[in-house]
Amino acid sequence: MTHVESGLGREMASLRADDPFLVEAPSQALALTGYLASVLMTAAATVVAIGIDSGMSIPNVSLVFVIPVIVAGVIYGLGASICSAILGALAYNFFLTEPRYTLAVSDPANVWAIALLLFVGLIVSSVAFTSRRRAINAALLTKQATLLQDYSRDIGAAADTKAVASITSKALAALFNVPAVVILMTGNEAVSVNSAGGLELQAADLDAARSSLVMGSVARAGVYPAVASRFDFWPVPAAAGEDAVIGIAFAPGQRPSSPQTSVDIIARILALALDCQRLRAGRGSPA
């Protein structure tokens, strides 16, 4: 069992360690770090711009303030990048336009310069953030594909249905970085519960799982008939014998926009693996 799950375990660790896009909403600490970094970078850009302006006459010294906008957008996201753009325009107005050390502007041309700096900063913020988002999406899709490949290989080498369910729950937990469960059911009775991620199944969750299997459709947490459930459940009907139900406990407000595609892939592989295990068991049983 340890050998079978080794490839999947390595991929789970990789996904959790360095995939910032697995969590839809950034943490409050990360957001605060981004805003603090944008303030510090803009302050550094202000010092550089003042130094350049005092030593030589450069008409485009305001472009120095675009650098923190790009860096903040690529590393910390849109909010920090916009913060840098606004702070940069204010700093340019306060320190580098006449009258200095005030937000008043005596020359109408400087009004346009400040407005243009802010506009460019906002555009650059959007471009930098979009580039970051696409890069993270591409990296995530690559890792998800690798995880699904490892899952397909490992589940084919599983010794029995419990091993299949265990590998599947761990794959789901790694794929979405949230607690997951796979329940093997005979009729209305749960015969095996395999969870990953540290969230144990409760009575309300099990009732929602049964409802999902009976209806043959997704039972979403907080929505009838899974009002009290913490898991979204997907039914995995089998050709014969035990059916299965997949459960994923997305955090409130952090449910991915379309988890259905990945879950459907795993559900089909799971159904095929369970049927194969039953065929093996049938061939091995005495006549």
Protein backbone atom coordinates (compact mmCIF):
# COMPACT_ATOMS: atom_id res chain seq x y z
CA MET A 1 0.00 0.00 0.00
CA THR A 2 2.83 2.40 0.86
CA HIS A 3 4.57 1.64 -2.41
CA VAL A 4 1.38 2.06 -4.43
CA GLU A 5 0.70 5.52 -3.02
CA SER A 6 4.29 6.79 -3.16
CA GLY A 7 3.97 8.66 -6.45
CA LEU A 8 0.68 10.25 -5.42
CA GLY A 9 2.11 11.21 -2.03
CA ARG A 10 5.01 13.07 -3.62
CA GLU A 11 2.62 14.94 -5.90
CA MET A 12 0.35 15.85 -2.97
CA ALA A 13 3.31 17.36 -1.12
CA SER A 14 4.36 19.31 -4.21
CA LEU A 15 0.87 20.67 -4.81
CA ARG A 16 0.43 21.81 -1.22
CA ALA A 17 3.92 23.27 -0.88
CA ASP A 18 4.16 25.57 -3.86
CA ASP A 19 0.80 26.04 -5.53
CA PRO A 20 -0.57 29.44 -4.50
CA PHE A 21 -3.53 29.09 -6.84
CA LEU A 22 -5.02 26.07 -5.14
CA VAL A 23 -6.60 28.39 -2.62
CA GLU A 24 -9.05 30.71 -4.31
CA ALA A 25 -8.91 33.57 -1.84
CA PRO A 26 -5.54 34.79 -0.55
CA SER A 27 -5.12 34.82 3.20
CA GLN A 28 -5.41 38.09 5.08
CA ALA A 29 -1.75 37.85 6.14
CA LEU A 30 -0.64 37.47 2.51
CA ALA A 31 -2.76 40.44 1.44
CA LEU A 32 -1.31 42.62 4.20
CA THR A 33 2.19 41.55 3.21
CA GLY A 34 1.49 42.60 -0.37
CA TYR A 35 0.24 46.04 0.64
CA LEU A 36 3.18 46.56 2.98
CA ALA A 37 5.59 45.56 0.21
CA SER A 38 3.91 47.96 -2.22
CA VAL A 39 4.36 50.82 0.27
CA LEU A 40 8.03 49.99 0.81
CA MET A 41 8.74 49.59 -2.91
CA THR A 42 7.03 52.88 -3.71
CA ALA A 43 9.05 54.58 -0.96
CA ALA A 44 12.25 53.18 -2.47
CA ALA A 45 11.18 54.35 -5.93
CA THR A 46 10.50 57.82 -4.48
CA VAL A 47 14.03 58.02 -3.06
CA VAL A 48 15.49 56.95 -6.41
CA ALA A 49 13.34 59.43 -8.32
CA ILE A 50 14.30 62.32 -6.01
CA GLY A 51 17.96 61.39 -6.37
CA ILE A 52 17.73 61.34 -10.15
CA ASP A 53 15.75 64.58 -10.26
CA SER A 54 18.24 66.41 -8.01
CA GLY A 55 21.23 65.32 -10.09
CA MET A 56 19.95 65.70 -13.64
CA SER A 57 16.95 66.88 -15.60
CA ILE A 58 15.01 63.88 -16.92
CA PRO A 59 11.52 64.51 -18.30
CA ASN A 60 10.28 60.95 -17.69
CA VAL A 61 11.46 60.44 -14.11
CA SER A 62 7.86 59.50 -13.22
CA LEU A 63 8.39 56.16 -14.98
CA VAL A 64 10.45 55.06 -11.97
CA PHE A 65 7.13 54.69 -10.13
CA VAL A 66 5.92 52.12 -12.67
CA ILE A 67 8.51 49.58 -11.48
CA PRO A 68 6.86 48.91 -8.06
CA VAL A 69 3.53 48.54 -9.85
CA ILE A 70 4.88 45.77 -12.07
CA VAL A 71 6.67 43.97 -9.23
CA ALA A 72 3.64 44.14 -6.94
CA GLY A 73 1.32 42.89 -9.69
CA VAL A 74 3.51 39.91 -10.55
CA ILE A 75 4.26 38.84 -6.96
CA TYR A 76 1.32 39.97 -4.82
CA GLY A 77 -1.62 40.48 -7.14
CA LEU A 78 -3.97 43.18 -8.32
CA GLY A 79 -4.74 44.91 -5.00
CA ALA A 80 -1.10 45.53 -4.09
CA SER A 81 -0.34 46.64 -7.65
CA ILE A 82 -3.15 49.22 -7.67
CA CYS A 83 -1.96 50.41 -4.26
CA SER A 84 1.50 51.00 -5.76
CA ALA A 85 0.00 52.89 -8.69
CA ILE A 86 -1.96 55.26 -6.42
CA LEU A 87 0.92 55.78 -4.00
CA GLY A 88 3.29 56.41 -6.90
CA ALA A 89 1.06 59.13 -8.35
CA LEU A 90 0.71 60.78 -4.94
CA ALA A 91 4.46 60.57 -4.25
CA TYR A 92 5.28 62.04 -7.65
CA ASN A 93 2.87 64.90 -6.99
CA PHE A 94 4.12 65.54 -3.46
CA PHE A 95 7.89 65.31 -4.00
CA LEU A 96 8.52 66.09 -7.67
CA THR A 97 6.02 68.66 -8.89
CA GLU A 98 5.82 72.35 -7.98
CA PRO A 99 4.97 73.47 -5.37
CA ARG A 100 6.83 70.64 -3.68
CA TYR A 101 5.82 68.96 -0.43
CA THR A 102 2.18 69.66 -1.04
CA LEU A 103 -0.51 67.97 -3.09
CA ALA A 104 -1.39 71.26 -4.79
CA VAL A 105 -0.35 71.56 -8.45
CA SER A 106 0.55 74.96 -9.89
CA ASP A 107 1.29 73.92 -13.48
CA PRO A 108 -1.70 72.47 -15.40
CA ALA A 109 0.76 70.33 -17.39
CA ASN A 110 1.69 68.54 -14.19
CA VAL A 111 -1.96 67.67 -13.60
CA TRP A 112 -1.95 65.74 -16.86
CA ALA A 113 1.41 64.16 -15.98
CA ILE A 114 0.09 62.92 -12.64
CA ALA A 115 -3.15 61.68 -14.20
CA LEU A 116 -1.20 59.93 -16.96
CA LEU A 117 1.10 58.30 -14.38
CA LEU A 118 -1.91 57.01 -12.46
CA PHE A 119 -3.58 55.77 -15.65
CA VAL A 120 -0.43 53.98 -16.83
CA GLY A 121 -0.02 52.49 -13.37
CA LEU A 122 -3.54 51.08 -13.39
CA ILE A 123 -3.09 49.61 -16.88
CA VAL A 124 0.23 48.06 -15.91
CA SER A 125 -1.40 46.68 -12.74
CA SER A 126 -4.02 44.88 -14.78
CA VAL A 127 -1.50 43.51 -17.29
CA ALA A 128 0.92 42.32 -14.59
CA PHE A 129 -1.85 40.66 -12.61
CA THR A 130 -3.27 38.95 -15.70
CA SER A 131 0.16 37.62 -16.64
CA ARG A 132 0.66 36.31 -13.11
CA ARG A 133 -2.76 34.65 -13.11
CA ARG A 134 -2.13 32.92 -16.43
CA ALA A 135 1.29 31.68 -15.33
CA ILE A 136 -0.13 30.26 -12.11
CA ASN A 137 -3.03 28.66 -13.97
CA ALA A 138 -0.64 27.01 -16.43
CA ALA A 139 1.54 25.69 -13.61
CA LEU A 140 -1.50 24.40 -11.73
CA LEU A 141 -2.92 22.62 -14.78
CA THR A 142 0.42 20.93 -15.37
CA LYS A 143 0.59 19.71 -11.77
CA GLN A 144 -3.03 18.59 -11.84
CA ALA A 145 -2.37 16.57 -14.99
CA THR A 146 0.64 14.96 -13.32
CA LEU A 147 -1.41 14.14 -10.22
CA LEU A 148 -4.15 12.53 -12.34
CA GLN A 149 -1.53 10.46 -14.17
CA ASP A 150 -0.07 9.28 -10.87
CA TYR A 151 -3.56 8.56 -9.58
CA SER A 152 -4.43 6.47 -12.62
CA ARG A 153 -1.23 4.46 -12.28
CA ASP A 154 -1.48 3.97 -8.50
CA ILE A 155 -5.13 3.00 -8.51
CA GLY A 156 -4.46 0.33 -11.13
CA ALA A 157 -2.00 -1.33 -8.73
CA ALA A 158 -4.33 -1.16 -5.70
CA ALA A 159 -4.87 -4.45 -3.91
CA ASP A 160 -8.56 -4.09 -3.02
CA THR A 161 -11.54 -1.71 -2.98
CA LYS A 162 -10.50 -0.11 0.32
CA ALA A 163 -7.10 0.71 -1.16
CA VAL A 164 -8.83 2.17 -4.21
CA ALA A 165 -11.02 4.39 -2.00
CA SER A 166 -8.05 5.47 0.13
CA ILE A 167 -5.95 6.46 -2.88
CA THR A 168 -8.90 8.33 -4.38
CA SER A 169 -9.62 10.36 -1.23
CA LYS A 170 -5.96 11.38 -1.00
CA ALA A 171 -5.90 12.35 -4.68
CA LEU A 172 -8.98 14.54 -4.26
CA ALA A 173 -7.53 16.18 -1.14
CA ALA A 174 -4.31 16.93 -3.02
CA LEU A 175 -6.10 18.15 -6.13
CA PHE A 176 -8.22 20.74 -4.32
CA ASN A 177 -6.12 21.15 -1.15
CA VAL A 178 -9.18 20.55 1.05
CA PRO A 179 -10.53 17.58 3.05
CA ALA A 180 -12.05 14.82 0.93
CA VAL A 181 -13.81 11.52 1.54
CA VAL A 182 -14.74 8.44 -0.50
CA ILE A 183 -17.63 6.34 0.85
CA LEU A 184 -18.26 2.81 -0.40
CA MET A 185 -21.94 1.94 -0.07
CA THR A 186 -24.12 -1.13 -0.46
CA GLY A 187 -27.67 0.02 -0.89
CA ASN A 188 -28.25 2.64 1.78
CA GLU A 189 -25.50 1.37 4.07
CA ALA A 190 -21.96 2.80 4.21
CA VAL A 191 -19.55 -0.12 4.35
CA SER A 192 -16.29 1.86 4.16
CA VAL A 193 -15.37 5.51 4.78
CA ASN A 194 -11.95 6.71 3.60
CA SER A 195 -11.13 10.33 4.41
CA ALA A 196 -8.12 12.55 3.81
CA GLY A 197 -7.47 16.04 5.12
CA GLY A 198 -8.49 15.61 8.75
CA LEU A 199 -12.27 16.24 8.54
CA GLU A 200 -14.31 13.33 9.88
CA LEU A 201 -17.70 12.45 8.45
CA GLN A 202 -20.77 13.35 10.53
CA ALA A 203 -24.34 12.08 10.41
CA ALA A 204 -25.54 15.05 8.33
CA ASP A 205 -22.73 14.46 5.84
CA LEU A 206 -23.64 10.79 5.50
CA ASP A 207 -27.31 11.65 4.95
CA ALA A 208 -26.29 14.04 2.17
CA ALA A 209 -24.10 11.34 0.61
CA ARG A 210 -27.05 8.92 0.57
CA SER A 211 -29.26 11.59 -1.02
CA SER A 212 -26.67 12.22 -3.71
CA LEU A 213 -26.49 8.53 -4.57
CA VAL A 214 -30.28 8.11 -4.58
CA MET A 215 -30.85 11.19 -6.78
CA GLY A 216 -27.86 10.46 -9.01
CA SER A 217 -26.76 14.08 -8.89
CA VAL A 218 -24.42 16.42 -7.02
CA ALA A 219 -25.51 17.34 -3.48
CA ARG A 220 -23.92 20.70 -2.72
CA ALA A 221 -23.14 21.65 0.87
CA GLY A 222 -25.60 24.14 2.34
CA VAL A 223 -28.18 23.50 -0.38
CA TYR A 224 -31.18 21.15 -0.04
CA PRO A 225 -31.00 18.22 0.58
CA ALA A 226 -27.45 18.75 1.95
CA VAL A 227 -28.29 21.81 4.05
CA ALA A 228 -26.36 20.67 7.13
CA SER A 229 -23.56 18.92 5.24
CA ARG A 230 -20.01 20.28 5.04
CA PHE A 231 -19.19 18.28 1.89
CA ASP A 232 -20.20 18.54 -1.74
CA PHE A 233 -21.05 14.96 -2.80
CA TRP A 234 -20.82 13.30 -6.20
CA PRO A 235 -22.41 9.87 -6.79
CA VAL A 236 -20.29 7.14 -8.41
CA PRO A 237 -22.69 4.31 -9.32
CA ALA A 238 -21.07 0.97 -10.08
CA ALA A 239 -22.16 -1.69 -12.55
CA ALA A 240 -22.63 -4.19 -9.73
CA GLY A 241 -21.95 -4.52 -6.02
CA GLU A 242 -20.86 -1.51 -3.95
CA ASP A 243 -21.47 2.03 -5.17
CA ALA A 244 -19.33 4.97 -4.13
CA VAL A 245 -19.82 8.62 -3.20
CA ILE A 246 -17.11 11.28 -3.48
CA GLY A 247 -17.19 14.13 -0.95
CA ILE A 248 -15.14 17.34 -1.01
CA ALA A 249 -15.29 19.90 1.83
CA PHE A 250 -14.67 23.27 0.21
CA ALA A 251 -14.20 26.16 2.61
CA PRO A 252 -17.00 28.76 2.59
CA GLY A 253 -16.36 31.29 -0.16
CA GLN A 254 -13.43 29.30 -1.57
CA ARG A 255 -15.19 26.77 -3.81
CA PRO A 256 -13.54 26.65 -7.26
CA SER A 257 -15.67 27.95 -10.11
CA SER A 258 -15.77 24.58 -11.93
CA PRO A 259 -14.57 21.57 -9.92
CA GLN A 260 -16.91 19.30 -11.89
CA THR A 261 -14.45 18.47 -14.69
CA SER A 262 -11.68 17.16 -12.45
CA VAL A 263 -14.12 15.35 -10.16
CA ASP A 264 -15.81 13.66 -13.14
CA ILE A 265 -12.44 12.36 -14.37
CA ILE A 266 -11.62 10.88 -10.96
CA ALA A 267 -15.17 9.52 -10.56
CA ARG A 268 -14.96 7.62 -13.85
CA ILE A 269 -11.56 6.18 -13.00
CA LEU A 270 -12.87 5.23 -9.54
CA ALA A 271 -15.93 3.49 -10.98
CA LEU A 272 -13.77 1.54 -13.43
CA ALA A 273 -11.29 0.58 -10.69
CA LEU A 274 -14.07 -0.64 -8.38
CA ASP A 275 -15.58 -2.76 -11.16
CA CYS A 276 -12.15 -4.22 -11.92
CA GLN A 277 -11.64 -5.08 -8.25
CA ARG A 278 -14.98 -6.87 -8.13
CA LEU A 279 -14.14 -8.83 -11.26
CA ARG A 280 -10.84 -9.87 -9.68
CA ALA A 281 -12.62 -10.90 -6.48
CA GLY A 282 -15.18 -12.88 -8.48
CA ARG A 283 -12.51 -14.78 -10.39
CA GLY A 284 -10.60 -15.53 -7.20
CA SER A 285 -13.61 -16.81 -5.25
CA PRO A 286 -14.24 -20.57 -5.12
CA ALA A 287 -16.86 -21.93 -7.53
